[in-house]
Amino acid sequence: MCSSDLLLAETLATCHDLSHVVIVDGQPWSLPEIAGLEALGWNEFTVQPATRRLHTLIDTDMAAILYTSGSTGLPKGVVLSHRNMVAGAESVAQYLENTTDDRLLAVLPFSFDYGLSQLTTAFSVGASVVLMDYLLPRDVIRAVSR
């Protein structure tokens, strides 16, 4: 076991509400057994046996935590529920009149509320999102013209 696996195992052991870990890169689970934690490979996860009950999603369950910059006080995490995320995406899509024909250029990080809003807004109407990691303003202008 490498040191990163050990560090991950120690961290996961402190996550008392965590019940499942999905390994997506196809590597076997190399961590020691952790009580109450089920590790699944991607193939196991995508083919659900009848005996495994999935978590029931409630629209008030936490979906994300966005961190503020602290422009109006101290920086803090803002908890968003699934309902918050959907309502926000639908609201923005409505006032921007987004449709499935739109292509949104995403240059803001998804950790920033407006960056994430670009992504969720596009998903809500079936639009496309073009991801861009730009260095200079002219790079954005070139991308828009393409």
Protein backbone atom coordinates (compact mmCIF):
# COMPACT_ATOMS: atom_id res chain seq x y z
CA MET A 1 0.00 0.00 0.00
CA CYS A 2 1.44 3.38 -0.97
CA SER A 3 1.45 6.40 1.34
CA SER A 4 -1.40 8.10 -0.55
CA ASP A 5 -3.60 5.00 -0.03
CA LEU A 6 -2.82 5.08 3.67
CA LEU A 7 -3.62 8.80 3.89
CA LEU A 8 -6.88 8.22 2.03
CA ALA A 9 -7.80 5.31 4.32
CA GLU A 10 -7.20 7.47 7.40
CA THR A 11 -9.32 10.26 5.95
CA LEU A 12 -12.16 7.96 4.88
CA ALA A 13 -12.25 6.39 8.35
CA THR A 14 -13.20 9.81 9.77
CA CYS A 15 -16.09 10.29 7.31
CA HIS A 16 -18.78 8.67 9.42
CA ASP A 17 -21.66 9.46 7.04
CA LEU A 18 -19.85 8.02 4.03
CA SER A 19 -21.17 4.58 3.14
CA HIS A 20 -19.93 3.94 -0.44
CA VAL A 21 -16.79 4.68 -2.45
CA VAL A 22 -16.81 4.13 -6.21
CA ILE A 23 -13.46 3.39 -7.83
CA VAL A 24 -13.69 4.73 -11.38
CA ASP A 25 -10.23 4.06 -12.77
CA GLY A 26 -10.56 0.30 -12.74
CA GLN A 27 -7.88 -0.24 -10.13
CA PRO A 28 -8.63 -2.79 -7.42
CA TRP A 29 -9.49 -1.50 -3.97
CA SER A 30 -6.15 -1.39 -2.22
CA LEU A 31 -7.23 0.19 1.05
CA PRO A 32 -7.70 -1.74 4.26
CA GLU A 33 -11.26 -2.67 5.16
CA ILE A 34 -13.08 0.22 6.83
CA ALA A 35 -16.12 -0.64 8.95
CA GLY A 36 -19.37 0.59 7.40
CA LEU A 37 -17.78 1.52 4.07
CA GLU A 38 -18.49 -0.41 0.89
CA ALA A 39 -16.02 -0.01 -1.98
CA LEU A 40 -17.35 -0.66 -5.47
CA GLY A 41 -15.64 -0.82 -8.82
CA TRP A 42 -17.24 1.17 -11.63
CA ASN A 43 -18.68 -1.96 -13.27
CA GLU A 44 -20.22 -3.10 -9.99
CA PHE A 45 -21.69 0.34 -9.44
CA THR A 46 -23.29 0.65 -12.87
CA VAL A 47 -24.91 -2.79 -12.72
CA GLN A 48 -27.04 -2.65 -9.58
CA PRO A 49 -28.03 -6.00 -8.12
CA ALA A 50 -31.61 -6.24 -6.90
CA THR A 51 -30.37 -6.68 -3.33
CA ARG A 52 -28.62 -3.31 -3.15
CA ARG A 53 -30.87 -0.40 -2.29
CA LEU A 54 -29.70 2.97 -3.54
CA HIS A 55 -29.94 6.07 -1.41
CA THR A 56 -33.22 7.83 -1.97
CA LEU A 57 -32.58 11.36 -3.12
CA ILE A 58 -34.58 14.07 -1.45
CA ASP A 59 -34.70 17.49 -3.08
CA THR A 60 -33.63 19.13 0.18
CA ASP A 61 -30.49 16.96 0.47
CA MET A 62 -27.21 18.80 0.17
CA ALA A 63 -25.88 18.85 -3.40
CA ALA A 64 -22.97 21.29 -3.20
CA ILE A 65 -21.06 23.73 -1.06
CA LEU A 66 -19.94 26.93 -2.79
CA TYR A 67 -17.37 29.04 -1.03
CA THR A 68 -17.76 32.81 -0.97
CA SER A 69 -14.85 35.20 -1.33
CA GLY A 70 -15.90 37.14 1.72
CA SER A 71 -16.70 40.35 -0.15
CA THR A 72 -19.47 41.13 2.36
CA GLY A 73 -17.79 39.60 5.39
CA LEU A 74 -15.69 36.54 6.16
CA PRO A 75 -15.37 33.82 3.49
CA LYS A 76 -17.76 30.95 4.14
CA GLY A 77 -19.29 27.87 2.61
CA VAL A 78 -22.87 28.15 1.34
CA VAL A 79 -24.78 24.87 1.29
CA LEU A 80 -27.00 24.29 -1.72
CA SER A 81 -29.69 21.62 -1.90
CA HIS A 82 -30.68 19.80 -5.07
CA ARG A 83 -33.76 22.01 -5.20
CA ASN A 84 -31.54 25.15 -4.96
CA MET A 85 -29.39 23.94 -7.85
CA VAL A 86 -32.33 23.11 -10.12
CA ALA A 87 -34.26 26.30 -9.30
CA GLY A 88 -31.17 28.43 -9.90
CA ALA A 89 -30.42 26.75 -13.22
CA GLU A 90 -34.01 27.05 -14.43
CA SER A 91 -34.23 30.70 -13.33
CA VAL A 92 -31.04 31.71 -15.14
CA ALA A 93 -31.98 29.72 -18.26
CA GLN A 94 -35.35 31.44 -18.31
CA TYR A 95 -34.13 35.04 -18.05
CA LEU A 96 -31.28 34.41 -20.51
CA GLU A 97 -33.71 32.56 -22.79
CA ASN A 98 -31.29 29.63 -23.22
CA THR A 99 -32.29 26.78 -25.53
CA THR A 100 -30.86 23.48 -26.69
CA ASP A 101 -29.29 25.32 -29.64
CA ASP A 102 -27.04 27.43 -27.37
CA ARG A 103 -23.33 26.89 -26.78
CA LEU A 104 -22.07 28.49 -23.58
CA LEU A 105 -18.39 29.36 -23.27
CA ALA A 106 -17.32 28.53 -19.71
CA VAL A 107 -14.19 30.44 -18.73
CA LEU A 108 -14.96 30.81 -15.03
CA PRO A 109 -14.00 28.11 -12.52
CA PHE A 110 -16.84 25.84 -11.37
CA SER A 111 -15.89 26.62 -7.76
CA PHE A 112 -17.19 30.16 -8.45
CA ASP A 113 -20.97 30.46 -8.30
CA TYR A 114 -21.39 31.98 -11.75
CA GLY A 115 -19.03 29.44 -13.30
CA LEU A 116 -21.08 26.58 -11.86
CA SER A 117 -24.27 28.38 -12.91
CA GLN A 118 -23.11 28.36 -16.54
CA LEU A 119 -22.77 24.59 -16.37
CA THR A 120 -26.02 23.85 -14.55
CA THR A 121 -27.96 26.30 -16.72
CA ALA A 122 -26.74 24.59 -19.89
CA PHE A 123 -27.62 21.16 -18.48
CA SER A 124 -31.12 22.31 -17.54
CA VAL A 125 -32.00 23.14 -21.17
CA GLY A 126 -29.78 20.62 -22.94
CA ALA A 127 -27.38 23.25 -24.28
CA SER A 128 -23.67 22.67 -24.93
CA VAL A 129 -20.87 23.98 -22.74
CA VAL A 130 -17.45 24.70 -24.17
CA LEU A 131 -14.81 24.53 -21.45
CA MET A 132 -11.88 26.88 -21.78
CA ASP A 133 -8.82 27.50 -19.67
CA TYR A 134 -7.62 30.81 -21.05
CA LEU A 135 -4.52 32.86 -20.41
CA LEU A 136 -5.32 36.18 -22.06
CA PRO A 137 -8.52 38.04 -22.99
CA ARG A 138 -7.70 37.66 -26.68
CA ASP A 139 -7.90 33.86 -26.21
CA VAL A 140 -11.55 34.25 -25.17
CA ILE A 141 -12.30 36.47 -28.18
CA ARG A 142 -10.72 33.91 -30.51
CA ALA A 143 -12.77 31.12 -28.95
CA VAL A 144 -16.00 33.10 -29.37
CA SER A 145 -15.22 33.80 -33.03
CA ARG A 146 -14.56 30.08 -33.65
